Amino acid sequence: MSRNEKIEQVRCSTQEIIIARTDTKGKIIYYNPTFSKVHGIEGAELIHESEELFRHPDMPQAIFQIVSSILEQGLSIQAVVKNKTLDGKYYWSLVSWEAQRDMDDNIISFVMRGKQAPDKVINTMEPLYKIMTNIEEEHDLESSLAFLHAHLDEEGVTYSQYMNKLTKNREFRCLCDFVTHSILGKN
């Protein structure tokens, strides 16, 4: 691809929900027709593939570390995510993840539900994620998390409040509490 070519963004309608389910190792075990449509696939060709196949290089790994840590505790979490498609396109989603348990209360899988992120959210998160990704490349994940916390402190909000402000979504709160209390050790 030449420098002048622009990578295409895939957009969903506001009614479309992308759903995928992975096992505890991150292998895809289910996805819905919207997931297929976004990725331009038919049938079950991505079953047993790693979810990491869709991680866009513009996404800070710190966000996925936080998501994984929360899910391993059996809690739900939400975040803004930029993913890539198999054909090199990308899409932004407001994503929620939930752990699924068996009858003995063991975590057996994770369900992801995503919807199109509004432009306002994308325009706010994209530069923040770019800085975090650059910090990760030059330093490490801990430095990226420290930057995120400092940014939120400067805004005078928690991650949850930041997401609520951007999305008007009252359910967007777990990531903030985890960053503040578990990773950064703040009360």
Protein backbone atom coordinates (compact mmCIF):
# COMPACT_ATOMS: atom_id res chain seq x y z
CA MET A 1 0.00 0.00 0.00
CA SER A 2 1.36 3.42 -0.88
CA ARG A 3 1.49 6.26 1.65
CA ASN A 4 -1.30 8.06 -0.20
CA GLU A 5 -3.76 5.20 0.13
CA LYS A 6 -6.15 5.45 3.02
CA ILE A 7 -7.11 2.34 4.96
CA GLU A 8 -10.86 1.85 4.91
CA GLN A 9 -12.89 1.98 8.09
CA VAL A 10 -15.77 -0.49 8.43
CA ARG A 11 -18.83 1.00 10.10
CA CYS A 12 -21.90 -0.74 11.45
CA SER A 13 -25.35 0.70 11.85
CA THR A 14 -26.33 1.65 15.39
CA GLN A 15 -28.62 -1.39 15.58
CA GLU A 16 -25.93 -3.92 14.69
CA ILE A 17 -24.16 -5.76 17.49
CA ILE A 18 -20.95 -7.73 16.96
CA ILE A 19 -20.93 -10.82 19.16
CA ALA A 20 -18.11 -13.30 19.64
CA ARG A 21 -17.39 -15.94 22.24
CA THR A 22 -13.94 -17.29 23.09
CA ASP A 23 -12.71 -20.09 25.28
CA THR A 24 -10.45 -19.27 28.23
CA LYS A 25 -7.38 -19.43 25.98
CA GLY A 26 -8.73 -16.75 23.62
CA LYS A 27 -9.77 -19.11 20.81
CA ILE A 28 -12.99 -18.16 19.04
CA ILE A 29 -15.82 -20.64 19.58
CA TYR A 30 -18.75 -18.59 18.24
CA TYR A 31 -19.48 -15.41 16.32
CA ASN A 32 -22.68 -13.90 14.96
CA PRO A 33 -23.55 -12.79 11.39
CA THR A 34 -22.59 -9.17 12.13
CA PHE A 35 -19.09 -10.33 13.10
CA SER A 36 -18.96 -12.28 9.82
CA LYS A 37 -20.16 -9.26 7.85
CA VAL A 38 -17.60 -6.89 9.39
CA HIS A 39 -14.79 -9.33 8.67
CA GLY A 40 -16.04 -10.31 5.20
CA ILE A 41 -16.24 -14.01 5.94
CA GLU A 42 -18.81 -16.74 5.52
CA GLY A 43 -19.44 -19.76 7.65
CA ALA A 44 -17.30 -20.90 10.52
CA GLU A 45 -13.84 -20.32 9.04
CA LEU A 46 -12.59 -18.41 12.10
CA ILE A 47 -13.71 -20.94 14.72
CA HIS A 48 -10.69 -21.97 16.83
CA GLU A 49 -8.64 -18.96 15.64
CA SER A 50 -7.11 -16.63 18.22
CA GLU A 51 -8.93 -13.42 19.05
CA GLU A 52 -5.55 -11.70 18.81
CA LEU A 53 -5.90 -12.01 15.05
CA PHE A 54 -8.14 -8.91 15.23
CA ARG A 55 -6.04 -6.71 17.50
CA HIS A 56 -5.12 -3.53 15.71
CA PRO A 57 -1.52 -2.31 16.20
CA ASP A 58 -2.88 1.14 17.14
CA MET A 59 -4.42 -0.31 20.31
CA PRO A 60 -2.40 -0.04 23.52
CA GLN A 61 -1.66 -3.45 24.99
CA ALA A 62 -2.31 -1.94 28.43
CA ILE A 63 -6.04 -1.84 27.65
CA PHE A 64 -6.06 -5.57 26.79
CA GLN A 65 -4.05 -6.35 29.92
CA ILE A 66 -6.68 -4.58 32.00
CA VAL A 67 -9.52 -6.35 30.20
CA SER A 68 -7.88 -9.76 30.68
CA SER A 69 -7.21 -9.14 34.37
CA ILE A 70 -10.83 -8.19 35.02
CA LEU A 71 -12.21 -11.13 33.02
CA GLU A 72 -9.96 -13.61 34.83
CA GLN A 73 -11.61 -12.41 38.05
CA GLY A 74 -14.99 -13.29 36.54
CA LEU A 75 -16.11 -9.67 36.31
CA SER A 76 -17.56 -7.80 33.34
CA ILE A 77 -15.69 -4.94 31.69
CA GLN A 78 -16.18 -2.42 28.91
CA ALA A 79 -13.77 -0.41 26.77
CA VAL A 80 -13.39 1.41 23.47
CA VAL A 81 -11.50 -0.80 21.00
CA LYS A 82 -10.04 -0.42 17.53
CA ASN A 83 -9.89 -3.80 15.79
CA LYS A 84 -8.65 -4.86 12.39
CA THR A 85 -10.37 -7.06 9.83
CA LEU A 86 -8.75 -9.90 7.93
CA ASP A 87 -8.52 -7.79 4.77
CA GLY A 88 -6.67 -4.91 6.45
CA LYS A 89 -9.61 -2.62 7.23
CA TYR A 90 -10.41 -1.45 10.76
CA TYR A 91 -13.40 -0.69 12.96
CA TRP A 92 -14.04 1.04 16.29
CA SER A 93 -16.39 -0.48 18.85
CA LEU A 94 -17.77 0.16 22.28
CA VAL A 95 -17.16 -3.34 23.63
CA SER A 96 -18.36 -5.16 26.71
CA TRP A 97 -16.94 -8.50 27.83
CA GLU A 98 -18.50 -10.95 30.23
CA ALA A 99 -17.19 -14.18 31.74
CA GLN A 100 -19.39 -17.25 31.29
CA ARG A 101 -19.42 -19.90 34.02
CA ASP A 102 -20.32 -23.58 34.23
CA MET A 103 -22.55 -25.13 36.90
CA ASP A 104 -19.55 -25.45 39.24
CA ASP A 105 -18.86 -21.69 38.91
CA ASN A 106 -15.71 -22.20 36.82
CA ILE A 107 -15.07 -19.68 34.04
CA ILE A 108 -15.45 -21.54 30.75
CA SER A 109 -15.64 -18.77 28.15
CA PHE A 110 -15.92 -15.05 27.51
CA VAL A 111 -18.59 -13.24 25.49
CA MET A 112 -17.83 -9.99 23.71
CA ARG A 113 -20.54 -7.63 22.49
CA GLY A 114 -19.58 -4.59 20.47
CA LYS A 115 -21.42 -1.75 18.81
CA GLN A 116 -20.23 1.04 16.55
CA ALA A 117 -18.34 3.69 18.51
CA PRO A 118 -19.61 7.22 17.89
CA ASP A 119 -17.25 9.59 16.04
CA LYS A 120 -16.94 11.78 19.15
CA VAL A 121 -15.63 8.80 21.13
CA ILE A 122 -13.24 7.76 18.35
CA ASN A 123 -11.90 11.31 17.99
CA THR A 124 -11.24 11.45 21.72
CA MET A 125 -9.78 7.97 22.23
CA GLU A 126 -7.63 7.72 19.12
CA PRO A 127 -5.04 10.35 20.19
CA LEU A 128 -5.00 8.98 23.75
CA TYR A 129 -4.40 5.44 22.48
CA LYS A 130 -1.70 6.69 20.09
CA ILE A 131 0.22 8.23 22.99
CA MET A 132 -0.22 5.08 25.09
CA THR A 133 0.98 2.87 22.23
CA ASN A 134 4.03 5.08 21.71
CA ILE A 135 4.81 4.90 25.43
CA GLU A 136 4.56 1.11 25.30
CA GLU A 137 6.94 0.98 22.33
CA GLU A 138 9.47 3.29 23.98
CA HIS A 139 9.05 2.13 27.60
CA ASP A 140 6.59 -0.49 28.91
CA LEU A 141 3.00 -1.30 29.87
CA GLU A 142 3.35 0.14 33.37
CA SER A 143 4.41 3.51 31.92
CA SER A 144 1.41 3.42 29.60
CA LEU A 145 -0.94 2.75 32.52
CA ALA A 146 0.69 5.54 34.54
CA PHE A 147 0.12 7.93 31.63
CA LEU A 148 -3.54 6.90 31.42
CA HIS A 149 -3.99 7.51 35.13
CA ALA A 150 -2.25 10.91 34.93
CA HIS A 151 -4.46 11.87 31.99
CA LEU A 152 -7.59 10.94 33.93
CA ASP A 153 -6.33 12.84 37.00
CA GLU A 154 -5.78 15.91 34.82
CA GLU A 155 -9.36 15.59 33.58
CA GLY A 156 -10.49 15.15 37.18
CA VAL A 157 -12.31 11.91 36.42
CA THR A 158 -12.02 8.18 36.71
CA TYR A 159 -11.99 6.06 33.55
CA SER A 160 -15.62 5.23 34.18
CA GLN A 161 -16.58 8.89 34.45
CA TYR A 162 -14.53 9.64 31.35
CA MET A 163 -16.39 6.97 29.37
CA ASN A 164 -19.75 8.10 30.77
CA LYS A 165 -18.98 11.65 29.69
CA LEU A 166 -18.09 10.48 26.18
CA THR A 167 -20.79 7.87 25.68
CA LYS A 168 -23.55 8.81 28.11
CA ASN A 169 -23.47 5.10 28.98
CA ARG A 170 -24.02 4.55 32.70
CA GLU A 171 -22.80 0.93 32.43
CA PHE A 172 -19.30 1.96 31.33
CA ARG A 173 -17.46 1.70 34.63
CA CYS A 174 -15.43 -1.43 35.45
CA LEU A 175 -12.20 -0.50 33.67
CA CYS A 176 -11.83 2.72 35.63
CA ASP A 177 -12.21 1.08 39.01
CA PHE A 178 -9.71 -1.62 38.09
CA VAL A 179 -7.10 0.89 36.85
CA THR A 180 -7.53 3.11 39.89
CA HIS A 181 -7.56 0.44 42.58
CA SER A 182 -5.89 -2.72 41.31
CA ILE A 183 -3.13 -1.55 39.01
CA LEU A 184 -2.31 1.93 40.28
CA GLY A 185 -3.11 1.25 43.94
CA LYS A 186 -5.11 4.45 44.42
CA ASN A 187 -8.18 4.74 46.62
